[in-house]
Amino acid sequence: MATANDVERARRDGQLFGIPFGDLGWFQSLIMGVATGMAAFFLTTFVAIMAMLVYMVATGRHPNFADTYRLAGFPVGVVVMALALVYLGVQWARRMKRKMRRS
């Protein structure tokens, strides 16, 4: 994006890193939002498990690995999914509003 006009057009069209999120339908937005939440859940859980393994090696204690899902992965996954669904829902609603104006 070379000019400020390109940046403004990308913002208006709902692009993020060149991905046109404004062109997704409601079902595609739902799938993308859920997939983003699941990816955040799995990534956060993996990082939490690795951190607990390092803790276990350093201290010699045996932590409860179920806490990685309950205390780290699940809350982060739900928050990221909610934020993604809100963002994608707003983009979809803006596109529908633009289509209604054109008609």
C-alpha atoms as a PDB file:
ATOM      1  CA  MET A   1       0.000   0.000   0.000  1.00  0.00           C
ATOM      2  CA  ALA A   2       1.879   2.938  -1.314  1.00  0.00           C
ATOM      3  CA  THR A   3      -0.468   5.822  -0.580  1.00  0.00           C
ATOM      4  CA  ALA A   4      -2.819   6.963   2.126  1.00  0.00           C
ATOM      5  CA  ASN A   5      -5.677   6.438  -0.338  1.00  0.00           C
ATOM      6  CA  ASP A   6      -4.781   2.733  -0.596  1.00  0.00           C
ATOM      7  CA  VAL A   7      -4.808   2.420   3.192  1.00  0.00           C
ATOM      8  CA  GLU A   8      -8.194   4.130   3.419  1.00  0.00           C
ATOM      9  CA  ARG A   9      -9.648   1.905   0.683  1.00  0.00           C
ATOM     10  CA  ALA A  10      -8.355  -1.235   2.438  1.00  0.00           C
ATOM     11  CA  ARG A  11      -9.890  -0.051   5.711  1.00  0.00           C
ATOM     12  CA  ARG A  12     -13.205   0.687   4.023  1.00  0.00           C
ATOM     13  CA  ASP A  13     -13.278  -2.637   2.136  1.00  0.00           C
ATOM     14  CA  GLY A  14     -12.437  -4.636   5.271  1.00  0.00           C
ATOM     15  CA  GLN A  15      -8.994  -5.950   4.409  1.00  0.00           C
ATOM     16  CA  LEU A  16      -6.555  -7.189   7.025  1.00  0.00           C
ATOM     17  CA  PHE A  17      -3.028  -7.938   5.772  1.00  0.00           C
ATOM     18  CA  GLY A  18      -4.445  -8.067   2.247  1.00  0.00           C
ATOM     19  CA  ILE A  19      -7.141 -10.622   3.125  1.00  0.00           C
ATOM     20  CA  PRO A  20     -10.575  -9.341   2.021  1.00  0.00           C
ATOM     21  CA  PHE A  21     -12.678 -10.054   5.104  1.00  0.00           C
ATOM     22  CA  GLY A  22     -15.387  -7.720   3.840  1.00  0.00           C
ATOM     23  CA  ASP A  23     -16.244 -10.158   1.035  1.00  0.00           C
ATOM     24  CA  LEU A  24     -17.149 -13.059   3.304  1.00  0.00           C
ATOM     25  CA  GLY A  25     -20.761 -14.186   3.642  1.00  0.00           C
ATOM     26  CA  TRP A  26     -22.401 -14.724   7.023  1.00  0.00           C
ATOM     27  CA  PHE A  27     -21.646 -18.479   7.068  1.00  0.00           C
ATOM     28  CA  GLN A  28     -18.037 -17.934   5.991  1.00  0.00           C
ATOM     29  CA  SER A  29     -17.679 -15.316   8.717  1.00  0.00           C
ATOM     30  CA  LEU A  30     -19.064 -17.760  11.267  1.00  0.00           C
ATOM     31  CA  ILE A  31     -16.646 -20.481  10.178  1.00  0.00           C
ATOM     32  CA  MET A  32     -13.668 -18.079  10.194  1.00  0.00           C
ATOM     33  CA  GLY A  33     -14.563 -16.761  13.653  1.00  0.00           C
ATOM     34  CA  VAL A  34     -14.877 -20.237  15.153  1.00  0.00           C
ATOM     35  CA  ALA A  35     -11.662 -21.378  13.442  1.00  0.00           C
ATOM     36  CA  THR A  36      -9.804 -18.372  14.835  1.00  0.00           C
ATOM     37  CA  GLY A  37     -11.044 -19.142  18.341  1.00  0.00           C
ATOM     38  CA  MET A  38     -10.033 -22.788  18.022  1.00  0.00           C
ATOM     39  CA  ALA A  39      -6.578 -21.864  16.751  1.00  0.00           C
ATOM     40  CA  ALA A  40      -6.125 -19.495  19.696  1.00  0.00           C
ATOM     41  CA  PHE A  41      -7.284 -22.223  22.093  1.00  0.00           C
ATOM     42  CA  PHE A  42      -4.836 -24.794  20.765  1.00  0.00           C
ATOM     43  CA  LEU A  43      -1.913 -22.367  20.564  1.00  0.00           C
ATOM     44  CA  THR A  44      -2.505 -21.041  24.078  1.00  0.00           C
ATOM     45  CA  THR A  45      -2.896 -24.549  25.477  1.00  0.00           C
ATOM     46  CA  PHE A  46       0.334 -25.663  23.806  1.00  0.00           C
ATOM     47  CA  VAL A  47       2.269 -22.694  25.201  1.00  0.00           C
ATOM     48  CA  ALA A  48       0.773 -23.263  28.666  1.00  0.00           C
ATOM     49  CA  ILE A  49       1.710 -26.958  28.611  1.00  0.00           C
ATOM     50  CA  MET A  50       5.266 -26.103  27.580  1.00  0.00           C
ATOM     51  CA  ALA A  51       5.469 -23.519  30.373  1.00  0.00           C
ATOM     52  CA  MET A  52       4.228 -26.068  32.912  1.00  0.00           C
ATOM     53  CA  LEU A  53       6.798 -28.579  31.675  1.00  0.00           C
ATOM     54  CA  VAL A  54       9.561 -26.027  32.216  1.00  0.00           C
ATOM     55  CA  TYR A  55       8.119 -25.317  35.666  1.00  0.00           C
ATOM     56  CA  MET A  56       8.060 -29.035  36.444  1.00  0.00           C
ATOM     57  CA  VAL A  57      11.691 -29.507  35.389  1.00  0.00           C
ATOM     58  CA  ALA A  58      12.818 -26.419  37.324  1.00  0.00           C
ATOM     59  CA  THR A  59      11.004 -27.182  40.596  1.00  0.00           C
ATOM     60  CA  GLY A  60      10.517 -30.949  40.564  1.00  0.00           C
ATOM     61  CA  ARG A  61       6.806 -30.552  41.352  1.00  0.00           C
ATOM     62  CA  HIS A  62       4.115 -32.213  39.270  1.00  0.00           C
ATOM     63  CA  PRO A  63       1.501 -29.628  38.199  1.00  0.00           C
ATOM     64  CA  ASN A  64      -2.005 -30.447  37.084  1.00  0.00           C
ATOM     65  CA  PHE A  65      -1.933 -30.194  33.291  1.00  0.00           C
ATOM     66  CA  ALA A  66      -5.721 -29.941  33.141  1.00  0.00           C
ATOM     67  CA  ASP A  67      -5.267 -26.383  34.378  1.00  0.00           C
ATOM     68  CA  THR A  68      -3.722 -25.469  31.022  1.00  0.00           C
ATOM     69  CA  TYR A  69      -7.058 -26.113  29.327  1.00  0.00           C
ATOM     70  CA  ARG A  70      -9.279 -24.687  32.035  1.00  0.00           C
ATOM     71  CA  LEU A  71      -7.277 -21.612  33.058  1.00  0.00           C
ATOM     72  CA  ALA A  72      -5.421 -20.677  29.870  1.00  0.00           C
ATOM     73  CA  GLY A  73      -6.723 -22.267  26.673  1.00  0.00           C
ATOM     74  CA  PHE A  74     -10.478 -22.027  27.158  1.00  0.00           C
ATOM     75  CA  PRO A  75     -10.701 -18.374  28.288  1.00  0.00           C
ATOM     76  CA  VAL A  76      -8.329 -17.174  25.563  1.00  0.00           C
ATOM     77  CA  GLY A  77     -10.133 -19.220  22.913  1.00  0.00           C
ATOM     78  CA  VAL A  78     -13.547 -17.871  23.908  1.00  0.00           C
ATOM     79  CA  VAL A  79     -12.354 -14.246  23.990  1.00  0.00           C
ATOM     80  CA  VAL A  80     -10.588 -14.500  20.617  1.00  0.00           C
ATOM     81  CA  MET A  81     -13.596 -16.243  19.066  1.00  0.00           C
ATOM     82  CA  ALA A  82     -15.964 -13.571  20.386  1.00  0.00           C
ATOM     83  CA  LEU A  83     -13.738 -10.757  19.107  1.00  0.00           C
ATOM     84  CA  ALA A  84     -13.359 -12.434  15.708  1.00  0.00           C
ATOM     85  CA  LEU A  85     -17.100 -13.007  15.382  1.00  0.00           C
ATOM     86  CA  VAL A  86     -17.842  -9.400  16.310  1.00  0.00           C
ATOM     87  CA  TYR A  87     -15.261  -8.069  13.850  1.00  0.00           C
ATOM     88  CA  LEU A  88     -16.396 -10.317  11.005  1.00  0.00           C
ATOM     89  CA  GLY A  89     -20.061  -9.643  11.799  1.00  0.00           C
ATOM     90  CA  VAL A  90     -19.481  -5.901  11.597  1.00  0.00           C
ATOM     91  CA  GLN A  91     -17.689  -6.319   8.266  1.00  0.00           C
ATOM     92  CA  TRP A  92     -20.567  -8.403   6.922  1.00  0.00           C
ATOM     93  CA  ALA A  93     -23.154  -5.881   8.150  1.00  0.00           C
ATOM     94  CA  ARG A  94     -21.258  -3.006   6.521  1.00  0.00           C
ATOM     95  CA  ARG A  95     -21.195  -4.871   3.229  1.00  0.00           C
ATOM     96  CA  MET A  96     -24.930  -5.563   3.426  1.00  0.00           C
ATOM     97  CA  LYS A  97     -25.562  -1.897   4.222  1.00  0.00           C
ATOM     98  CA  ARG A  98     -23.520  -0.823   1.186  1.00  0.00           C
ATOM     99  CA  LYS A  99     -25.444  -3.242  -1.020  1.00  0.00           C
ATOM    100  CA  MET A 100     -28.760  -1.894   0.260  1.00  0.00           C
ATOM    101  CA  ARG A 101     -27.720   1.680  -0.547  1.00  0.00           C
ATOM    102  CA  ARG A 102     -26.725   0.748  -4.084  1.00  0.00           C
ATOM    103  CA  SER A 103     -30.063  -0.921  -4.781  1.00  0.00           C
END
